[in-house]
Amino acid sequence: MPRLSPALGLRELPLPELCAARLDGELWPVGAGFVPVDEPDTAELRARSLAVELPPRLIAELSTAAWVWGALPFPPLPLELCAASTARTRALGVTRWSVREVVLDVAETVELGGIRVTTRGRTAADLLRSLEAFGEREAAVVRRLLDGEEAECRRVLGRRNLPQRRRALARLDGLTAGASELDRAGDPARPP
C-alpha cells in the first residue's frame, strides 16, 4: 500500500475526510494542509504543507518564509509569495495569496518540502527592508532568522539600488550591536 505524503491536502483526500481525521485526533492543521499528529514540526513539514496548494513557480518569502523557518508561530494571511522576475507567471486571482515579482539570485532560495523558499538570510534582509513598524516582536523574528546567517543578510543588503537598503542596514546594525552587548554582559571575563 502506498504511503501518503506527510502533508495532506485536497489532492490526497476530500475535505470532509480531512476534517473527520482532525476531529478524531489523527491529523492537525499546518499551513494549508493537514499532517499526522506524530509528524515532528519541522521547516520541511511546514513547507510541504504549503506545497499542497502552491504552483511550482511561486516562492515563499517574507513572513511566509519566516514561518517556514520557524521564526513565526503561524503563517501570515494572506500568504506572502513571490515569483522570480525571469519566471513567466500570470495573475492568479487567489485572494489568500499576496504575490509580487522580485529579482532573486539562485543562491537566495532553497528547495524545501516541494516548494522554493527564500533562504534565512534573504528572508531576514527582506523583512528588515519591508516592515514599516520594527519593534521588539519584529526584531525577535529577524534575530531567529539571523542565527548564523548574518553574512548572507549583509551580502543581500549590499546590492546597489535596493529599496530601503539604508533603513535595513541601520536595523541590522542595531540588532547585531544589541547581541554583542548581550554577549559581553553574559561573559564576566569581557570588559563592558
Protein backbone atom coordinates (compact mmCIF):
# COMPACT_ATOMS: atom_id res chain seq x y z
CA MET A 1 0.00 0.00 0.00
CA PRO A 2 1.50 3.39 -0.97
CA ARG A 3 2.34 5.77 1.86
CA LEU A 4 0.59 9.14 1.84
CA SER A 5 2.56 12.35 1.94
CA PRO A 6 3.17 13.68 5.47
CA ALA A 7 1.23 16.82 4.47
CA LEU A 8 -2.23 16.10 3.13
CA GLY A 9 -4.45 18.42 1.15
CA LEU A 10 -7.45 18.25 -1.13
CA ARG A 11 -5.38 16.47 -3.76
CA GLU A 12 -5.00 13.45 -1.48
CA LEU A 13 -8.31 13.33 0.42
CA PRO A 14 -11.67 15.14 0.33
CA LEU A 15 -12.15 17.93 2.89
CA PRO A 16 -14.78 16.03 4.94
CA GLU A 17 -12.33 13.15 5.43
CA LEU A 18 -9.52 15.51 6.40
CA CYS A 19 -11.78 17.27 8.92
CA ALA A 20 -13.04 13.97 10.32
CA ALA A 21 -9.46 12.76 10.80
CA ARG A 22 -8.68 16.05 12.55
CA LEU A 23 -11.68 15.64 14.86
CA ASP A 24 -10.61 12.05 15.57
CA GLY A 25 -7.21 13.35 16.66
CA GLU A 26 -5.32 11.71 13.80
CA LEU A 27 -4.37 14.91 11.94
CA TRP A 28 -3.60 18.51 12.88
CA PRO A 29 -3.66 21.53 10.58
CA VAL A 30 -0.37 23.01 9.41
CA GLY A 31 -0.50 25.83 6.89
CA ALA A 32 -2.73 24.82 4.01
CA GLY A 33 -2.57 21.12 4.80
CA PHE A 34 -3.11 18.52 7.48
CA VAL A 35 -0.41 16.30 8.94
CA PRO A 36 -0.43 13.21 11.17
CA VAL A 37 -0.12 14.08 14.85
CA ASP A 38 3.08 12.04 15.17
CA GLU A 39 4.94 14.04 12.48
CA PRO A 40 7.57 16.35 14.03
CA ASP A 41 7.06 20.06 13.31
CA THR A 42 9.98 20.97 11.04
CA ALA A 43 10.72 23.52 8.33
CA GLU A 44 10.40 20.70 5.78
CA LEU A 45 6.93 19.82 7.07
CA ARG A 46 5.74 23.46 7.07
CA ALA A 47 6.99 23.89 3.50
CA ARG A 48 5.32 20.63 2.46
CA SER A 49 2.04 21.90 3.93
CA LEU A 50 2.24 24.91 1.58
CA ALA A 51 3.15 22.73 -1.38
CA VAL A 52 -0.31 21.14 -1.28
CA GLU A 53 -1.73 24.35 -2.78
CA LEU A 54 1.08 26.41 -4.37
CA PRO A 55 2.03 26.35 -8.04
CA PRO A 56 5.71 25.41 -8.56
CA ARG A 57 6.78 28.86 -9.82
CA LEU A 58 5.82 30.65 -6.62
CA ILE A 59 8.36 31.13 -3.84
CA ALA A 60 7.57 31.56 -0.14
CA GLU A 61 9.04 34.85 1.08
CA LEU A 62 8.79 37.47 3.84
CA SER A 63 6.58 36.35 6.77
CA THR A 64 5.60 33.13 5.00
CA ALA A 65 9.27 32.13 4.71
CA ALA A 66 9.84 33.24 8.32
CA TRP A 67 7.04 30.86 9.35
CA VAL A 68 8.54 28.03 7.29
CA TRP A 69 11.91 28.59 9.01
CA GLY A 70 10.21 28.51 12.42
CA ALA A 71 10.70 32.20 13.28
CA LEU A 72 6.92 32.80 13.45
CA PRO A 73 4.33 30.57 15.14
CA PHE A 74 1.66 30.90 12.42
CA PRO A 75 1.66 31.59 8.67
CA PRO A 76 0.51 35.07 7.65
CA LEU A 77 -2.79 35.74 5.92
CA PRO A 78 -2.54 36.31 3.04
CA LEU A 79 0.49 34.13 2.30
CA GLU A 80 3.39 36.30 1.12
CA LEU A 81 4.78 34.80 -2.06
CA CYS A 82 6.94 35.95 -4.94
CA ALA A 83 7.94 34.92 -8.40
CA ALA A 84 11.35 35.49 -9.91
CA SER A 85 11.32 38.35 -12.39
CA THR A 86 12.57 35.92 -15.05
CA ALA A 87 9.72 33.44 -14.47
CA ARG A 88 6.69 33.73 -16.67
CA THR A 89 3.71 33.92 -14.38
CA ARG A 90 0.25 35.35 -14.71
CA ALA A 91 -2.11 36.91 -12.20
CA LEU A 92 -3.62 34.05 -10.27
CA GLY A 93 -6.59 35.81 -8.69
CA VAL A 94 -6.26 33.95 -5.38
CA THR A 95 -7.15 36.32 -2.54
CA ARG A 96 -5.38 34.32 0.18
CA TRP A 97 -2.05 34.92 -1.59
CA SER A 98 -0.09 38.13 -1.98
CA VAL A 99 2.26 37.66 -4.94
CA ARG A 100 4.94 40.06 -6.18
CA GLU A 101 7.69 39.85 -8.75
CA VAL A 102 11.26 40.15 -7.43
CA VAL A 103 14.88 39.88 -8.54
CA LEU A 104 16.43 36.83 -6.89
CA ASP A 105 19.80 35.14 -7.18
CA VAL A 106 19.56 31.36 -7.47
CA ALA A 107 21.50 31.06 -4.19
CA GLU A 108 18.84 33.07 -2.34
CA THR A 109 16.24 30.30 -2.48
CA VAL A 110 16.25 26.68 -1.40
CA GLU A 111 14.03 23.75 -2.35
CA LEU A 112 12.25 22.61 0.77
CA GLY A 113 9.30 20.26 1.03
CA GLY A 114 8.42 20.54 -2.65
CA ILE A 115 8.45 24.37 -2.86
CA ARG A 116 11.06 27.07 -3.09
CA VAL A 117 11.62 29.27 -0.04
CA THR A 118 13.86 32.31 0.34
CA THR A 119 16.90 31.48 2.46
CA ARG A 120 17.06 32.58 6.08
CA GLY A 121 19.47 35.41 5.25
CA ARG A 122 17.41 36.66 2.31
CA THR A 123 14.22 36.45 4.39
CA ALA A 124 15.84 38.48 7.18
CA ALA A 125 17.04 41.10 4.69
CA ASP A 126 13.59 41.36 3.11
CA LEU A 127 11.89 41.76 6.49
CA LEU A 128 14.42 44.38 7.59
CA ARG A 129 13.67 46.33 4.41
CA SER A 130 9.92 45.92 4.17
CA LEU A 131 8.49 46.09 7.69
CA GLU A 132 7.14 49.56 8.44
CA ALA A 133 6.98 49.02 12.19
CA PHE A 134 10.06 47.42 13.72
CA GLY A 135 9.57 46.79 17.43
CA GLU A 136 10.73 44.03 19.76
CA ARG A 137 8.41 41.43 18.20
CA GLU A 138 9.73 42.05 14.68
CA ALA A 139 13.32 42.20 15.95
CA ALA A 140 12.88 38.81 17.65
CA VAL A 141 11.69 37.26 14.37
CA VAL A 142 14.68 38.65 12.48
CA ARG A 143 17.08 37.51 15.23
CA ARG A 144 15.75 33.95 14.89
CA LEU A 145 16.35 34.10 11.14
CA LEU A 146 19.84 35.61 11.52
CA ASP A 147 21.14 32.75 13.63
CA GLY A 148 24.35 32.05 11.70
CA GLU A 149 23.10 33.89 8.59
CA GLU A 150 24.19 37.49 9.20
CA ALA A 151 26.84 37.38 6.45
CA GLU A 152 24.28 36.34 3.83
CA CYS A 153 21.88 39.03 5.04
CA ARG A 154 24.62 41.68 4.70
CA ARG A 155 25.51 40.37 1.23
CA VAL A 156 21.88 40.75 0.09
CA LEU A 157 21.70 44.24 1.59
CA GLY A 158 24.97 45.14 -0.12
CA ARG A 159 23.29 45.32 -3.53
CA ARG A 160 23.08 48.66 -5.26
CA ASN A 161 19.71 50.28 -5.89
CA LEU A 162 17.94 48.13 -3.29
CA PRO A 163 14.85 49.89 -1.90
CA GLN A 164 15.01 50.68 1.85
CA ARG A 165 18.63 49.48 2.00
CA ARG A 166 19.84 52.13 4.47
CA ARG A 167 16.94 51.53 6.84
CA ALA A 168 17.58 47.79 6.74
CA LEU A 169 21.31 48.17 7.40
CA ALA A 170 20.62 50.50 10.33
CA ARG A 171 18.18 47.97 11.78
CA LEU A 172 20.64 45.13 11.26
CA ASP A 173 23.45 47.10 12.91
CA GLY A 174 21.13 47.81 15.85
CA LEU A 175 20.28 44.13 16.19
CA THR A 176 23.88 42.93 16.00
CA ALA A 177 25.11 45.68 18.35
CA GLY A 178 22.47 44.64 20.86
CA ALA A 179 23.52 41.00 20.52
CA SER A 180 27.20 41.80 21.08
CA GLU A 181 26.28 43.83 24.20
CA LEU A 182 24.33 40.82 25.49
CA ASP A 183 27.36 38.58 24.79
CA ARG A 184 29.66 40.91 26.78
CA ALA A 185 27.14 41.13 29.65
CA GLY A 186 26.94 37.34 29.83
CA ASP A 187 30.73 36.83 29.84
CA PRO A 188 32.32 38.08 33.10
CA ALA A 189 35.80 37.89 31.51
CA ARG A 190 34.93 40.50 28.89
CA PRO A 191 35.12 44.16 29.81
CA PRO A 192 31.89 46.14 29.22
